Structure formats: structure tokens, C-alpha cells
Amino acid sequence: MLYGKHIRLRGNERSDLPKFVEWLNDPEVRCYLSMAMPISQAAEEHWFEDMLKRPPEEHSLGIEINDGDGWRLIGNCALFDINWRTRSAEVGLFIGEKTCWNKGYGTEVMRLLLRHGFGTLNLNRIFLRVDAENLGGIRAYEKAGFVHEARLRQADFRAGKYFDDLIMSVLRSEWTPEE
């Protein structure tokens, strides 16, 4: 497990899937994700089986907070599409538990994933794609050390309109481990 000040990241279990389906069927949660359609339990089980076939470094991690009565799942994250030649990876996360939005958990998750990516996996570049309208996400990523790299114009389509995506990244040389 990876521990932060307020969260921990742990391997996802099959028993997490109903919670993921619940969250991903909420249009507010799904709004800035790359998912346009609601998801079924069967589709999520298929995703889980495919995820288990990926290298262990690319397995998704459950985001949990200690709510006083133990650890509670609030979201999901992963490093994926790792390129070992260029030592780069893409990162993504979502906080599905809406009561946990705007509390700094996204920034803390990204800091933990950077520590893991640079400190454990020896990566050199970690990047992400974010909807340009996702101001809360962009703010969290900037606080974690990500810098703007590119704008992909009209790269996404939802609710009858096109939206830009941003590419943000952190290089190992820019990263400062947290105490």
C-alpha cells in the first residue's frame, strides 16, 4: 500500500466493482472522464479482468480515506501505458465519492503517484490529459507539480459541444519529494 497523510492507495478488488459502477453511472462523476456512456456491472467486470492482464505496475489502485471507523473507498487511480524505453507513463484518477470533492484528496493522490512513479518505478516523465473545463482537477494537478504542456483543441465532445483537452506533465528533474 502507498500511504499519504490522509489517504492510502491499495490494489483494487473485485468487491470494489459495484461501487465503481455506481459512481461511473453518475453523470456528474463521469463528466470529465473519457466515458460518454453509463457502464454495466458486466462491462466493469470485463475492465477488471483486462486490468489484471496488464503488468503489475499498471494495475489500478483504490483510493481510500480513514473516516474514523476504518478505511473507506472514495475513488480509483493508476499509472498506465508505461513506456520503459522513454521511462514515461500516463496517470489518471477519479474521486467518485462526491462528498470528498474539493478536499485536497486529488492533489494528495497525485503526489503519492509521483512518489511511486519516480521513486519506485524510476520513471522520468509522468503526464496526464485533463478536460480544459475541469478547473478543480487542473488546480489539483498544478498543486502536485504538473505543468501545462499542450492544448488539444476540440479533442472531446459531450453534451453537444466540443471541448479542449490539456496535456500536463512532471519531469523527474522538476519533482521534489515531500517530507
Protein backbone atom coordinates (compact mmCIF):
# COMPACT_ATOMS: atom_id res chain seq x y z
CA MET A 1 0.00 0.00 0.00
CA LEU A 2 1.01 3.58 -0.55
CA TYR A 3 0.26 5.86 2.39
CA GLY A 4 -0.20 9.62 2.39
CA LYS A 5 -1.25 11.97 5.17
CA HIS A 6 -4.98 11.45 4.68
CA ILE A 7 -5.27 8.67 2.10
CA ARG A 8 -3.89 5.33 1.11
CA LEU A 9 -3.73 3.63 -2.26
CA ARG A 10 -4.31 -0.11 -2.43
CA GLY A 11 -4.93 -2.71 -5.09
CA ASN A 12 -8.49 -2.85 -6.35
CA GLU A 13 -10.57 -5.90 -5.53
CA ARG A 14 -13.47 -7.45 -7.41
CA SER A 15 -15.67 -6.40 -4.47
CA ASP A 16 -14.95 -2.73 -5.38
CA LEU A 17 -16.66 -3.03 -8.75
CA PRO A 18 -20.27 -2.31 -7.65
CA LYS A 19 -19.09 0.98 -6.11
CA PHE A 20 -17.24 1.88 -9.34
CA VAL A 21 -20.37 1.11 -11.38
CA GLU A 22 -22.45 3.30 -9.06
CA TRP A 23 -20.02 6.20 -9.39
CA LEU A 24 -19.47 5.85 -13.13
CA ASN A 25 -23.21 5.87 -13.77
CA ASP A 26 -23.48 9.28 -12.10
CA PRO A 27 -23.26 11.93 -14.87
CA GLU A 28 -21.55 14.40 -12.50
CA VAL A 29 -18.77 11.92 -11.71
CA ARG A 30 -18.43 10.86 -15.35
CA CYS A 31 -18.49 14.42 -16.72
CA TYR A 32 -14.73 14.93 -17.14
CA LEU A 33 -13.80 11.28 -17.63
CA SER A 34 -13.25 9.75 -21.06
CA MET A 35 -16.52 7.85 -20.70
CA ALA A 36 -19.56 9.00 -22.63
CA MET A 37 -21.93 6.21 -21.71
CA PRO A 38 -23.17 4.63 -18.49
CA ILE A 39 -21.50 1.35 -17.59
CA SER A 40 -22.88 -2.05 -16.64
CA GLN A 41 -21.59 -4.39 -13.96
CA ALA A 42 -20.63 -6.84 -16.73
CA ALA A 43 -18.59 -4.17 -18.55
CA GLU A 44 -16.82 -3.21 -15.32
CA GLU A 45 -16.02 -6.88 -14.65
CA HIS A 46 -14.55 -7.11 -18.17
CA TRP A 47 -12.43 -3.99 -17.46
CA PHE A 48 -11.23 -5.59 -14.20
CA GLU A 49 -10.20 -8.83 -15.95
CA ASP A 50 -8.34 -6.84 -18.64
CA MET A 51 -6.63 -4.74 -15.96
CA LEU A 52 -5.37 -7.90 -14.25
CA LYS A 53 -3.70 -8.95 -17.52
CA ARG A 54 -1.63 -5.75 -17.61
CA PRO A 55 1.79 -5.56 -15.94
CA PRO A 56 1.50 -5.17 -12.14
CA GLU A 57 2.90 -1.62 -12.33
CA GLU A 58 -0.18 -0.66 -14.37
CA HIS A 59 -2.82 -2.17 -12.10
CA SER A 60 -5.30 0.38 -10.86
CA LEU A 61 -5.34 1.38 -7.21
CA GLY A 62 -8.27 2.14 -4.97
CA ILE A 63 -8.16 5.50 -3.18
CA GLU A 64 -9.19 5.23 0.46
CA ILE A 65 -9.58 7.69 3.32
CA ASN A 66 -9.63 6.89 7.03
CA ASP A 67 -13.02 8.14 8.16
CA GLY A 68 -12.56 7.23 11.83
CA ASP A 69 -14.25 3.85 11.50
CA GLY A 70 -11.63 2.42 9.17
CA TRP A 71 -10.69 2.88 5.56
CA ARG A 72 -13.37 3.88 3.03
CA LEU A 73 -13.04 3.66 -0.77
CA ILE A 74 -13.57 7.04 -2.50
CA GLY A 75 -12.04 6.62 -5.95
CA ASN A 76 -9.59 4.98 -8.31
CA CYS A 77 -6.23 5.84 -9.90
CA ALA A 78 -3.44 4.31 -11.96
CA LEU A 79 -0.21 4.79 -13.83
CA PHE A 80 -0.70 3.23 -17.28
CA ASP A 81 0.79 2.86 -20.74
CA ILE A 82 4.26 2.77 -19.21
CA ASN A 83 6.98 3.10 -21.82
CA TRP A 84 10.11 1.59 -20.28
CA ARG A 85 12.39 2.88 -23.07
CA THR A 86 11.43 6.53 -22.55
CA ARG A 87 10.61 5.92 -18.86
CA SER A 88 7.26 7.69 -19.17
CA ALA A 89 3.71 6.90 -18.12
CA GLU A 90 0.27 8.40 -18.19
CA VAL A 91 -1.61 8.86 -14.93
CA GLY A 92 -5.29 9.19 -14.20
CA LEU A 93 -7.66 9.36 -11.27
CA PHE A 94 -11.22 9.97 -10.30
CA ILE A 95 -12.83 10.68 -6.96
CA GLY A 96 -16.22 9.02 -7.20
CA GLU A 97 -17.43 9.90 -3.72
CA LYS A 98 -18.81 13.41 -4.29
CA THR A 99 -18.73 14.26 -0.56
CA CYS A 100 -14.93 14.01 -0.91
CA TRP A 101 -14.61 16.53 -3.76
CA ASN A 102 -12.65 19.76 -3.18
CA LYS A 103 -10.91 18.46 -0.05
CA GLY A 104 -7.39 18.08 -1.44
CA TYR A 105 -7.55 14.33 -1.99
CA GLY A 106 -6.83 14.60 -5.74
CA THR A 107 -3.64 16.56 -5.07
CA GLU A 108 -2.55 14.05 -2.44
CA VAL A 109 -3.25 11.12 -4.76
CA MET A 110 -1.14 12.72 -7.50
CA ARG A 111 1.72 13.39 -5.09
CA LEU A 112 1.65 9.74 -3.99
CA LEU A 113 1.60 8.54 -7.59
CA LEU A 114 4.53 10.83 -8.46
CA ARG A 115 6.48 9.48 -5.48
CA HIS A 116 5.73 5.94 -6.61
CA GLY A 117 6.44 6.63 -10.29
CA PHE A 118 9.71 8.47 -9.77
CA GLY A 119 10.92 6.88 -6.55
CA THR A 120 9.90 3.25 -7.07
CA LEU A 121 9.45 2.75 -10.82
CA ASN A 122 12.32 5.06 -11.84
CA LEU A 123 10.21 6.94 -14.39
CA ASN A 124 11.42 10.19 -15.94
CA ARG A 125 8.12 11.74 -17.13
CA ILE A 126 4.57 11.37 -15.86
CA PHE A 127 1.79 13.04 -17.80
CA LEU A 128 -1.98 13.31 -17.88
CA ARG A 129 -4.82 14.53 -20.04
CA VAL A 130 -7.44 16.77 -18.49
CA ASP A 131 -10.55 18.48 -19.85
CA ALA A 132 -9.82 22.21 -20.04
CA GLU A 133 -13.16 22.84 -18.27
CA ASN A 134 -12.13 20.72 -15.26
CA LEU A 135 -10.79 23.64 -13.23
CA GLY A 136 -10.74 21.72 -9.94
CA GLY A 137 -8.70 18.92 -11.48
CA ILE A 138 -6.29 21.34 -13.14
CA ARG A 139 -5.78 23.17 -9.84
CA ALA A 140 -5.10 19.86 -8.03
CA TYR A 141 -2.58 18.79 -10.67
CA GLU A 142 -0.79 22.14 -10.58
CA LYS A 143 -0.52 21.90 -6.78
CA ALA A 144 1.03 18.45 -7.19
CA GLY A 145 3.67 19.92 -9.54
CA PHE A 146 2.24 19.30 -13.02
CA VAL A 147 2.92 21.95 -15.67
CA HIS A 148 0.93 22.72 -18.81
CA GLU A 149 2.48 21.18 -21.87
CA ALA A 150 -0.10 21.36 -24.67
CA ARG A 151 -3.69 22.11 -25.60
CA LEU A 152 -5.53 19.64 -27.80
CA ARG A 153 -8.19 21.75 -29.46
CA GLN A 154 -11.73 20.33 -29.59
CA ALA A 155 -10.40 16.91 -28.57
CA ASP A 156 -13.53 15.89 -26.66
CA PHE A 157 -17.24 16.00 -27.39
CA ARG A 158 -20.04 15.95 -24.81
CA ALA A 159 -23.45 17.50 -24.36
CA GLY A 160 -23.50 18.60 -27.99
CA LYS A 161 -20.27 20.66 -27.82
CA TYR A 162 -16.56 20.22 -28.42
CA PHE A 163 -14.08 20.85 -25.60
CA ASP A 164 -10.31 21.23 -25.43
CA ASP A 165 -8.08 18.82 -23.51
CA LEU A 166 -4.85 19.84 -21.83
CA ILE A 167 -1.69 17.77 -21.51
CA MET A 168 0.15 18.33 -18.24
CA SER A 169 3.34 16.64 -17.03
CA VAL A 170 6.03 16.44 -14.40
CA LEU A 171 9.63 15.53 -15.16
CA ARG A 172 11.75 13.75 -12.60
CA SER A 173 14.15 16.74 -12.58
CA GLU A 174 11.23 19.03 -11.61
CA TRP A 175 9.86 16.77 -8.90
CA THR A 176 10.58 17.47 -5.26
CA PRO A 177 9.78 14.61 -2.88
CA GLU A 178 7.52 15.61 0.02
CA GLU A 179 8.84 15.19 3.53
